[in-house]
Amino acid sequence: MAELEQESGEGKKLPKKLIIMIAVAAVLLLAGGGGVTYFLMKGDSSKGGKVEHAAEDESAVPVEKLYFEISKPLVVDFPKDSAFQHARITVSMLVEGAETADVLKKNEPMIRNNLLMLVGAQDSNVLNTREGKEALSKSMLDDVTSVLIKMAGKGKVDQIFFTSFVMQ
């Protein structure tokens, strides 16, 4: 009987130890979380404790980036003495905002005309190289940007992409 009382007595001590260990773990977790929160909220102490948000402006809304694809491929004939006679180029543009895409859509005939003239004036041997394609892309970007400024006074095209570039 005495053995049963001792066993039951030890059984009562185990839950107390477990409760104490859980309480200590909870206190340590709370203290650690509080310390992390303090240091994150404090900011950089080398700047006098002030957190600077130079790039964050509550009134600034991130501009949505969209792709605008010219509806039909640009088909150009080169002079007869060129190494290539024809080019068929499909162009997409990365633009900032739906308003810019709308302006491009409204002025697509002017943009197509300008890009056709630009491609037709290129040397087909140069266009066959990577450098030639990159130079053409830069020229197209400048031309499309000038149309945006002329017709809408604003808007931005970030990049020109050739989604298809075939020369024969």
Protein backbone atom coordinates (compact mmCIF):
# COMPACT_ATOMS: atom_id res chain seq x y z
CA MET A 1 0.00 0.00 0.00
CA ALA A 2 2.89 2.30 0.79
CA GLU A 3 4.30 1.60 -2.63
CA LEU A 4 1.05 2.65 -4.26
CA GLU A 5 1.06 5.93 -2.35
CA GLN A 6 4.65 6.62 -3.44
CA GLU A 7 3.82 5.89 -7.09
CA SER A 8 0.77 8.07 -6.96
CA GLY A 9 2.83 10.78 -5.27
CA GLU A 10 5.41 10.71 -8.07
CA GLY A 11 2.56 10.85 -10.59
CA LYS A 12 1.44 14.16 -9.10
CA LYS A 13 4.94 15.68 -9.33
CA LEU A 14 5.30 14.90 -13.06
CA PRO A 15 2.43 17.14 -14.17
CA LYS A 16 3.82 19.97 -12.01
CA LYS A 17 7.20 19.64 -13.73
CA LEU A 18 5.52 19.59 -17.12
CA ILE A 19 3.49 22.70 -16.29
CA ILE A 20 6.62 24.51 -15.10
CA MET A 21 8.51 23.56 -18.28
CA ILE A 22 5.63 24.74 -20.49
CA ALA A 23 5.42 28.02 -18.55
CA VAL A 24 9.19 28.61 -18.91
CA ALA A 25 9.03 27.85 -22.65
CA ALA A 26 6.08 30.23 -23.09
CA VAL A 27 7.92 33.02 -21.22
CA LEU A 28 11.03 32.49 -23.37
CA LEU A 29 9.00 32.55 -26.58
CA LEU A 30 7.18 35.71 -25.54
CA ALA A 31 10.42 37.40 -24.54
CA GLY A 32 12.08 36.38 -27.83
CA GLY A 33 9.11 37.58 -29.87
CA GLY A 34 9.03 40.85 -27.96
CA GLY A 35 12.74 41.38 -28.55
CA VAL A 36 12.42 40.75 -32.26
CA THR A 37 9.45 43.09 -32.48
CA TYR A 38 11.34 45.78 -30.56
CA PHE A 39 14.34 45.64 -32.88
CA LEU A 40 12.22 45.60 -36.03
CA MET A 41 10.11 48.54 -34.89
CA LYS A 42 13.07 50.49 -33.59
CA GLY A 43 14.68 50.91 -37.02
CA ASP A 44 18.34 51.61 -37.70
CA SER A 45 19.95 53.11 -34.59
CA SER A 46 22.76 54.66 -36.67
CA LYS A 47 20.22 57.15 -38.06
CA GLY A 48 19.18 58.42 -34.66
CA GLY A 49 16.40 55.87 -34.24
CA LYS A 50 14.37 57.23 -37.16
CA VAL A 51 13.12 54.88 -39.83
CA GLU A 52 13.24 56.49 -43.24
CA HIS A 53 10.83 55.53 -45.98
CA ALA A 54 12.25 57.39 -48.96
CA ALA A 55 10.75 55.10 -51.57
CA GLU A 56 7.43 54.68 -49.81
CA ASP A 57 4.81 57.23 -50.63
CA GLU A 58 1.26 56.45 -49.59
CA SER A 59 -0.14 58.40 -52.54
CA ALA A 60 2.00 56.53 -55.09
CA VAL A 61 0.28 53.53 -56.62
CA PRO A 62 2.42 50.88 -58.30
CA VAL A 63 2.00 51.04 -62.06
CA GLU A 64 0.72 47.89 -63.67
CA LYS A 65 2.92 46.46 -66.43
CA LEU A 66 1.04 45.11 -69.45
CA TYR A 67 1.94 43.61 -72.79
CA PHE A 68 0.60 45.24 -75.92
CA GLU A 69 0.92 43.30 -79.16
CA ILE A 70 0.61 44.96 -82.53
CA SER A 71 -2.38 43.25 -84.12
CA LYS A 72 -0.71 42.17 -87.39
CA PRO A 73 2.88 41.24 -88.20
CA LEU A 74 5.05 43.82 -89.92
CA VAL A 75 5.82 42.56 -93.44
CA VAL A 76 8.62 44.37 -95.25
CA ASP A 77 10.23 43.92 -98.67
CA PHE A 78 13.93 44.68 -99.00
CA PRO A 79 15.68 45.85 -102.20
CA LYS A 80 16.43 43.15 -104.80
CA ASP A 81 20.19 43.31 -104.25
CA SER A 82 19.83 42.47 -100.51
CA ALA A 83 20.74 39.10 -99.09
CA PHE A 84 17.15 38.77 -97.84
CA GLN A 85 14.08 39.79 -99.79
CA HIS A 86 11.36 39.80 -97.14
CA ALA A 87 10.95 40.15 -93.38
CA ARG A 88 7.94 39.27 -91.24
CA ILE A 89 8.20 40.61 -87.70
CA THR A 90 5.70 40.29 -84.86
CA VAL A 91 6.16 42.93 -82.15
CA SER A 92 4.98 43.11 -78.53
CA MET A 93 5.65 45.93 -76.09
CA LEU A 94 5.90 46.06 -72.31
CA VAL A 95 3.98 49.18 -71.28
CA GLU A 96 3.17 50.91 -68.01
CA GLY A 97 -0.55 51.07 -67.33
CA ALA A 98 -3.73 50.33 -69.20
CA GLU A 99 -3.97 53.97 -70.32
CA THR A 100 -0.74 53.60 -72.30
CA ALA A 101 -2.01 50.40 -73.91
CA ASP A 102 -5.22 52.23 -74.88
CA VAL A 103 -3.24 55.09 -76.46
CA LEU A 104 -1.15 52.56 -78.41
CA LYS A 105 -4.30 50.78 -79.61
CA LYS A 106 -5.91 54.05 -80.75
CA ASN A 107 -2.77 55.08 -82.62
CA GLU A 108 -1.80 51.67 -84.00
CA PRO A 109 -2.06 52.74 -87.68
CA MET A 110 0.51 55.52 -87.12
CA ILE A 111 2.76 53.23 -85.11
CA ARG A 112 2.56 50.45 -87.75
CA ASN A 113 3.39 52.93 -90.49
CA ASN A 114 6.40 54.30 -88.61
CA LEU A 115 7.70 50.84 -87.73
CA LEU A 116 7.27 49.58 -91.32
CA MET A 117 9.24 52.57 -92.59
CA LEU A 118 11.90 52.01 -89.95
CA VAL A 119 12.34 48.30 -90.74
CA GLY A 120 12.28 48.92 -94.50
CA ALA A 121 15.14 51.40 -94.18
CA GLN A 122 17.40 48.82 -92.48
CA ASP A 123 20.09 46.76 -94.15
CA SER A 124 18.89 43.15 -94.19
CA ASN A 125 22.43 41.85 -93.59
CA VAL A 126 22.65 43.90 -90.40
CA LEU A 127 19.18 42.79 -89.25
CA ASN A 128 20.35 39.20 -89.53
CA THR A 129 22.70 39.77 -86.55
CA ARG A 130 21.83 40.04 -82.86
CA GLU A 131 23.32 43.54 -82.71
CA GLY A 132 21.18 44.61 -85.66
CA LYS A 133 18.02 43.34 -83.99
CA GLU A 134 18.93 45.08 -80.72
CA ALA A 135 19.57 48.36 -82.57
CA LEU A 136 16.24 47.99 -84.37
CA SER A 137 14.49 47.34 -81.06
CA LYS A 138 16.00 50.52 -79.58
CA SER A 139 14.98 52.56 -82.63
CA MET A 140 11.45 51.14 -82.43
CA LEU A 141 11.28 52.00 -78.73
CA ASP A 142 12.31 55.60 -79.45
CA ASP A 143 9.77 55.87 -82.26
CA VAL A 144 6.86 54.45 -80.26
CA THR A 145 7.72 56.68 -77.30
CA SER A 146 7.70 59.75 -79.55
CA VAL A 147 4.23 58.77 -80.86
CA LEU A 148 2.96 58.41 -77.28
CA ILE A 149 4.27 61.84 -76.33
CA LYS A 150 2.94 63.41 -79.52
CA MET A 151 -0.54 61.92 -79.27
CA ALA A 152 -1.16 61.65 -75.51
CA GLY A 153 1.55 63.72 -73.87
CA LYS A 154 2.43 60.82 -71.59
CA GLY A 155 2.88 57.08 -71.39
CA LYS A 156 5.85 54.79 -71.21
CA VAL A 157 6.98 51.77 -73.17
CA ASP A 158 9.64 49.85 -71.25
CA GLN A 159 10.72 47.33 -73.86
CA ILE A 160 10.10 46.09 -77.38
CA PHE A 161 9.96 42.33 -77.92
CA PHE A 162 10.21 40.49 -81.21
CA THR A 163 7.87 37.54 -80.75
CA SER A 164 8.56 36.42 -84.30
CA PHE A 165 11.34 37.52 -86.64
CA VAL A 166 11.49 35.74 -90.01
CA MET A 167 13.68 36.84 -92.92
CA GLN A 168 13.76 35.15 -96.35
